[in-house]
PDB file of all heavy atoms in Angstrom:
ATOM      1  N   GLY A   1       0.751  -1.266   0.021  1.00  0.00           N
ATOM      2  CA  GLY A   1      -0.030   0.026   0.021  1.00  0.00           C
ATOM      3  C   GLY A   1       0.861   1.266   0.020  1.00  0.00           C
ATOM      4  O   GLY A   1       2.029   1.203  -0.189  1.00  0.00           O
ATOM      5  N   ILE A   2       0.158   2.403   0.248  1.00  0.00           N
ATOM      6  CA  ILE A   2       0.829   3.691   0.191  1.00  0.00           C
ATOM      7  C   ILE A   2       0.358   4.508   1.382  1.00  0.00           C
ATOM      8  O   ILE A   2      -0.834   4.523   1.689  1.00  0.00           O
ATOM      9  CB  ILE A   2       0.490   4.421  -1.154  1.00  0.00           C
ATOM     10  CG1 ILE A   2       1.017   3.583  -2.314  1.00  0.00           C
ATOM     11  CG2 ILE A   2       1.145   5.821  -1.121  1.00  0.00           C
ATOM     12  CD1 ILE A   2       0.493   4.101  -3.661  1.00  0.00           C
ATOM     13  N   ILE A   3       1.305   5.152   2.046  1.00  0.00           N
ATOM     14  CA  ILE A   3       1.047   6.091   3.193  1.00  0.00           C
ATOM     15  C   ILE A   3       1.056   7.528   2.672  1.00  0.00           C
ATOM     16  O   ILE A   3       2.005   7.908   2.001  1.00  0.00           O
ATOM     17  CB  ILE A   3       2.042   5.907   4.314  1.00  0.00           C
ATOM     18  CG1 ILE A   3       1.914   4.418   4.840  1.00  0.00           C
ATOM     19  CG2 ILE A   3       1.799   6.865   5.477  1.00  0.00           C
ATOM     20  CD1 ILE A   3       3.083   3.985   5.704  1.00  0.00           C
ATOM     21  N   VAL A   4       0.063   8.308   3.069  1.00  0.00           N
ATOM     22  CA  VAL A   4      -0.049   9.686   2.562  1.00  0.00           C
ATOM     23  C   VAL A   4      -0.100  10.660   3.789  1.00  0.00           C
ATOM     24  O   VAL A   4      -0.629  10.331   4.859  1.00  0.00           O
ATOM     25  CB  VAL A   4      -1.391   9.796   1.820  1.00  0.00           C
ATOM     26  CG1 VAL A   4      -1.697  11.281   1.354  1.00  0.00           C
ATOM     27  CG2 VAL A   4      -1.337   8.897   0.576  1.00  0.00           C
ATOM     28  N   GLU A   5       0.481  11.869   3.554  1.00  0.00           N
ATOM     29  CA  GLU A   5       0.382  12.803   4.653  1.00  0.00           C
ATOM     30  C   GLU A   5      -1.032  13.172   5.008  1.00  0.00           C
ATOM     31  O   GLU A   5      -1.958  13.366   4.161  1.00  0.00           O
ATOM     32  CB  GLU A   5       1.122  14.152   4.231  1.00  0.00           C
ATOM     33  CG  GLU A   5       2.657  13.945   4.194  1.00  0.00           C
ATOM     34  CD  GLU A   5       3.259  13.626   5.562  1.00  0.00           C
ATOM     35  OE1 GLU A   5       2.770  14.064   6.539  1.00  0.00           O
ATOM     36  OE2 GLU A   5       4.224  12.772   5.508  1.00  0.00           O
ATOM     37  N   LYS A   6      -1.223  13.361   6.322  1.00  0.00           N
ATOM     38  CA  LYS A   6      -2.587  13.572   6.816  1.00  0.00           C
ATOM     39  C   LYS A   6      -3.220  14.839   6.220  1.00  0.00           C
ATOM     40  O   LYS A   6      -2.616  15.878   6.264  1.00  0.00           O
ATOM     41  CB  LYS A   6      -2.546  13.636   8.348  1.00  0.00           C
ATOM     42  CG  LYS A   6      -3.811  13.551   9.062  1.00  0.00           C
ATOM     43  CD  LYS A   6      -3.624  13.857  10.588  1.00  0.00           C
ATOM     44  CE  LYS A   6      -2.663  13.007  11.250  1.00  0.00           C
ATOM     45  NZ  LYS A   6      -2.711  13.261  12.725  1.00  0.00           N
ATOM     46  N   GLY A   7      -4.397  14.721   5.787  1.00  0.00           N
ATOM     47  CA  GLY A   7      -5.208  15.826   5.293  1.00  0.00           C
ATOM     48  C   GLY A   7      -4.887  16.184   3.766  1.00  0.00           C
ATOM     49  O   GLY A   7      -5.520  17.187   3.316  1.00  0.00           O
ATOM     50  N   ASN A   8      -3.991  15.487   3.162  1.00  0.00           N
ATOM     51  CA  ASN A   8      -3.632  15.818   1.753  1.00  0.00           C
ATOM     52  C   ASN A   8      -4.402  15.017   0.774  1.00  0.00           C
ATOM     53  O   ASN A   8      -4.071  13.947   0.374  1.00  0.00           O
ATOM     54  CB  ASN A   8      -2.108  15.665   1.525  1.00  0.00           C
ATOM     55  CG  ASN A   8      -1.599  16.309   0.226  1.00  0.00           C
ATOM     56  OD1 ASN A   8      -2.328  16.328  -0.723  1.00  0.00           O
ATOM     57  ND2 ASN A   8      -0.459  16.862   0.369  1.00  0.00           N
ATOM     58  N   VAL A   9      -5.639  15.539   0.347  1.00  0.00           N
ATOM     59  CA  VAL A   9      -6.494  14.776  -0.488  1.00  0.00           C
ATOM     60  C   VAL A   9      -5.914  14.634  -1.923  1.00  0.00           C
ATOM     61  O   VAL A   9      -6.102  13.580  -2.564  1.00  0.00           O
ATOM     62  CB  VAL A   9      -7.852  15.511  -0.558  1.00  0.00           C
ATOM     63  CG1 VAL A   9      -8.782  14.760  -1.610  1.00  0.00           C
ATOM     64  CG2 VAL A   9      -8.500  15.513   0.809  1.00  0.00           C
ATOM     65  N   GLU A  10      -5.130  15.589  -2.306  1.00  0.00           N
ATOM     66  CA  GLU A  10      -4.351  15.460  -3.605  1.00  0.00           C
ATOM     67  C   GLU A  10      -3.463  14.268  -3.631  1.00  0.00           C
ATOM     68  O   GLU A  10      -3.454  13.496  -4.627  1.00  0.00           O
ATOM     69  CB  GLU A  10      -3.682  16.769  -3.915  1.00  0.00           C
ATOM     70  CG  GLU A  10      -3.099  16.821  -5.299  1.00  0.00           C
ATOM     71  CD  GLU A  10      -2.398  18.177  -5.642  1.00  0.00           C
ATOM     72  OE1 GLU A  10      -2.860  19.157  -5.072  1.00  0.00           O
ATOM     73  OE2 GLU A  10      -1.449  18.152  -6.426  1.00  0.00           O
ATOM     74  N   GLN A  11      -2.678  14.092  -2.570  1.00  0.00           N
ATOM     75  CA  GLN A  11      -1.807  12.946  -2.439  1.00  0.00           C
ATOM     76  C   GLN A  11      -2.569  11.645  -2.327  1.00  0.00           C
ATOM     77  O   GLN A  11      -2.209  10.583  -2.904  1.00  0.00           O
ATOM     78  CB  GLN A  11      -0.904  13.106  -1.182  1.00  0.00           C
ATOM     79  CG  GLN A  11       0.295  14.015  -1.382  1.00  0.00           C
ATOM     80  CD  GLN A  11       1.211  13.874  -0.227  1.00  0.00           C
ATOM     81  OE1 GLN A  11       1.184  12.992   0.595  1.00  0.00           O
ATOM     82  NE2 GLN A  11       2.109  14.869  -0.107  1.00  0.00           N
ATOM     83  N   LEU A  12      -3.728  11.741  -1.677  1.00  0.00           N
ATOM     84  CA  LEU A  12      -4.656  10.610  -1.482  1.00  0.00           C
ATOM     85  C   LEU A  12      -5.108  10.130  -2.851  1.00  0.00           C
ATOM     86  O   LEU A  12      -5.027   8.940  -3.169  1.00  0.00           O
ATOM     87  CB  LEU A  12      -5.773  10.878  -0.588  1.00  0.00           C
ATOM     88  CG  LEU A  12      -6.640   9.845  -0.022  1.00  0.00           C
ATOM     89  CD1 LEU A  12      -5.794   9.049   1.036  1.00  0.00           C
ATOM     90  CD2 LEU A  12      -7.897  10.405   0.629  1.00  0.00           C
ATOM     91  N   LEU A  13      -5.547  11.072  -3.685  1.00  0.00           N
ATOM     92  CA  LEU A  13      -6.029  10.705  -5.070  1.00  0.00           C
ATOM     93  C   LEU A  13      -4.848  10.167  -5.883  1.00  0.00           C
ATOM     94  O   LEU A  13      -5.082   9.214  -6.602  1.00  0.00           O
ATOM     95  CB  LEU A  13      -6.596  11.980  -5.663  1.00  0.00           C
ATOM     96  CG  LEU A  13      -7.287  11.766  -7.057  1.00  0.00           C
ATOM     97  CD1 LEU A  13      -8.496  10.825  -6.931  1.00  0.00           C
ATOM     98  CD2 LEU A  13      -7.728  13.173  -7.580  1.00  0.00           C
ATOM     99  N   HIS A  14      -3.710  10.745  -5.793  1.00  0.00           N
ATOM    100  CA  HIS A  14      -2.512  10.267  -6.509  1.00  0.00           C
ATOM    101  C   HIS A  14      -2.178   8.838  -6.155  1.00  0.00           C
ATOM    102  O   HIS A  14      -1.793   8.003  -7.082  1.00  0.00           O
ATOM    103  CB  HIS A  14      -1.358  11.253  -6.285  1.00  0.00           C
ATOM    104  CG  HIS A  14      -0.160  10.847  -7.098  1.00  0.00           C
ATOM    105  ND1 HIS A  14       0.886  10.093  -6.632  1.00  0.00           N
ATOM    106  CD2 HIS A  14       0.179  11.171  -8.422  1.00  0.00           C
ATOM    107  CE1 HIS A  14       1.785   9.937  -7.540  1.00  0.00           C
ATOM    108  NE2 HIS A  14       1.447  10.526  -8.632  1.00  0.00           N
ATOM    109  N   ALA A  15      -2.204   8.520  -4.863  1.00  0.00           N
ATOM    110  CA  ALA A  15      -1.916   7.212  -4.374  1.00  0.00           C
ATOM    111  C   ALA A  15      -2.907   6.200  -4.910  1.00  0.00           C
ATOM    112  O   ALA A  15      -2.588   5.101  -5.338  1.00  0.00           O
ATOM    113  CB  ALA A  15      -1.876   7.168  -2.843  1.00  0.00           C
ATOM    114  N   ILE A  16      -4.161   6.555  -4.884  1.00  0.00           N
ATOM    115  CA  ILE A  16      -5.211   5.575  -5.440  1.00  0.00           C
ATOM    116  C   ILE A  16      -4.943   5.402  -6.919  1.00  0.00           C
ATOM    117  O   ILE A  16      -5.026   4.249  -7.403  1.00  0.00           O
ATOM    118  CB  ILE A  16      -6.598   6.341  -5.220  1.00  0.00           C
ATOM    119  CG1 ILE A  16      -6.825   6.308  -3.750  1.00  0.00           C
ATOM    120  CG2 ILE A  16      -7.697   5.554  -5.997  1.00  0.00           C
ATOM    121  CD1 ILE A  16      -8.157   7.097  -3.334  1.00  0.00           C
ATOM    122  N   LYS A  17      -4.642   6.408  -7.669  1.00  0.00           N
ATOM    123  CA  LYS A  17      -4.335   6.295  -9.066  1.00  0.00           C
ATOM    124  C   LYS A  17      -3.122   5.456  -9.405  1.00  0.00           C
ATOM    125  O   LYS A  17      -3.109   4.723 -10.343  1.00  0.00           O
ATOM    126  CB  LYS A  17      -4.224   7.664  -9.743  1.00  0.00           C
ATOM    127  CG  LYS A  17      -5.570   8.372  -9.884  1.00  0.00           C
ATOM    128  CD  LYS A  17      -5.381   9.782 -10.565  1.00  0.00           C
ATOM    129  CE  LYS A  17      -6.777  10.394 -10.795  1.00  0.00           C
ATOM    130  NZ  LYS A  17      -6.619  11.696 -11.378  1.00  0.00           N
ATOM    131  N   THR A  18      -2.106   5.560  -8.464  1.00  0.00           N
ATOM    132  CA  THR A  18      -0.927   4.719  -8.578  1.00  0.00           C
ATOM    133  C   THR A  18      -1.285   3.205  -8.504  1.00  0.00           C
ATOM    134  O   THR A  18      -0.780   2.424  -9.301  1.00  0.00           O
ATOM    135  CB  THR A  18       0.098   5.087  -7.559  1.00  0.00           C
ATOM    136  OG1 THR A  18       0.505   6.462  -7.715  1.00  0.00           O
ATOM    137  CG2 THR A  18       1.294   4.111  -7.570  1.00  0.00           C
ATOM    138  N   ILE A  19      -2.160   2.891  -7.459  1.00  0.00           N
ATOM    139  CA  ILE A  19      -2.515   1.512  -7.354  1.00  0.00           C
ATOM    140  C   ILE A  19      -3.457   1.123  -8.521  1.00  0.00           C
ATOM    141  O   ILE A  19      -3.341  -0.023  -9.093  1.00  0.00           O
ATOM    142  CB  ILE A  19      -3.323   1.406  -5.997  1.00  0.00           C
ATOM    143  CG1 ILE A  19      -2.260   1.496  -4.878  1.00  0.00           C
ATOM    144  CG2 ILE A  19      -4.073   0.038  -5.964  1.00  0.00           C
ATOM    145  CD1 ILE A  19      -2.864   1.476  -3.491  1.00  0.00           C
ATOM    146  N   GLN A  20      -4.286   2.012  -9.003  1.00  0.00           N
ATOM    147  CA  GLN A  20      -5.128   1.709 -10.200  1.00  0.00           C
ATOM    148  C   GLN A  20      -4.280   1.360 -11.364  1.00  0.00           C
ATOM    149  O   GLN A  20      -4.541   0.474 -12.122  1.00  0.00           O
ATOM    150  CB  GLN A  20      -6.045   2.835 -10.438  1.00  0.00           C
ATOM    151  CG  GLN A  20      -7.006   2.600 -11.618  1.00  0.00           C
ATOM    152  CD  GLN A  20      -8.061   3.732 -11.776  1.00  0.00           C
ATOM    153  OE1 GLN A  20      -7.833   4.855 -11.242  1.00  0.00           O
ATOM    154  NE2 GLN A  20      -9.081   3.459 -12.474  1.00  0.00           N
ATOM    155  N   ASN A  21      -3.205   2.166 -11.598  1.00  0.00           N
ATOM    156  CA  ASN A  21      -2.357   1.919 -12.824  1.00  0.00           C
ATOM    157  C   ASN A  21      -1.555   0.677 -12.752  1.00  0.00           C
ATOM    158  O   ASN A  21      -1.326  -0.033 -13.717  1.00  0.00           O
ATOM    159  CB  ASN A  21      -1.390   3.101 -12.909  1.00  0.00           C
ATOM    160  CG  ASN A  21      -2.125   4.400 -13.341  1.00  0.00           C
ATOM    161  OD1 ASN A  21      -3.172   4.358 -13.907  1.00  0.00           O
ATOM    162  ND2 ASN A  21      -1.476   5.502 -13.003  1.00  0.00           N
ATOM    163  N   ARG A  22      -1.157   0.309 -11.528  1.00  0.00           N
ATOM    164  CA  ARG A  22      -0.308  -0.934 -11.252  1.00  0.00           C
ATOM    165  C   ARG A  22      -1.294  -2.149 -11.330  1.00  0.00           C
ATOM    166  O   ARG A  22      -0.883  -3.248 -11.779  1.00  0.00           O
ATOM    167  CB  ARG A  22       0.391  -0.950  -9.970  1.00  0.00           C
ATOM    168  CG  ARG A  22       1.495   0.029  -9.895  1.00  0.00           C
ATOM    169  CD  ARG A  22       2.154   0.011  -8.503  1.00  0.00           C
ATOM    170  NE  ARG A  22       3.327   0.838  -8.433  1.00  0.00           N
ATOM    171  CZ  ARG A  22       4.002   1.203  -7.341  1.00  0.00           C
ATOM    172  NH1 ARG A  22       3.504   0.835  -6.164  1.00  0.00           N
ATOM    173  NH2 ARG A  22       5.094   1.922  -7.437  1.00  0.00           N
ATOM    174  N   GLY A  23      -2.518  -1.971 -10.902  1.00  0.00           N
ATOM    175  CA  GLY A  23      -3.450  -3.049 -10.825  1.00  0.00           C
ATOM    176  C   GLY A  23      -3.413  -3.769  -9.480  1.00  0.00           C
ATOM    177  O   GLY A  23      -2.330  -3.883  -8.868  1.00  0.00           O
ATOM    178  N   LYS A  24      -4.647  -4.141  -9.005  1.00  0.00           N
ATOM    179  CA  LYS A  24      -4.634  -4.829  -7.658  1.00  0.00           C
ATOM    180  C   LYS A  24      -3.731  -6.065  -7.581  1.00  0.00           C
ATOM    181  O   LYS A  24      -3.144  -6.380  -6.569  1.00  0.00           O
ATOM    182  CB  LYS A  24      -6.133  -5.225  -7.418  1.00  0.00           C
ATOM    183  CG  LYS A  24      -6.274  -5.851  -6.058  1.00  0.00           C
ATOM    184  CD  LYS A  24      -7.746  -6.233  -5.839  1.00  0.00           C
ATOM    185  CE  LYS A  24      -8.038  -6.947  -4.405  1.00  0.00           C
ATOM    186  NZ  LYS A  24      -9.476  -7.218  -4.228  1.00  0.00           N
ATOM    187  N   SER A  25      -3.658  -6.802  -8.763  1.00  0.00           N
ATOM    188  CA  SER A  25      -2.900  -8.049  -8.777  1.00  0.00           C
ATOM    189  C   SER A  25      -1.455  -7.839  -8.425  1.00  0.00           C
ATOM    190  O   SER A  25      -0.710  -8.760  -7.993  1.00  0.00           O
ATOM    191  CB  SER A  25      -3.063  -8.659 -10.106  1.00  0.00           C
ATOM    192  OG  SER A  25      -2.545  -7.837 -11.163  1.00  0.00           O
TER     193      SER A  25
END
């Protein structure tokens, strides 16, 4: 997974997209 600085929604969204691009597998 990925750890994001507290309260940074932009980083949160970027982390989600990183996982989406790599794929759950």
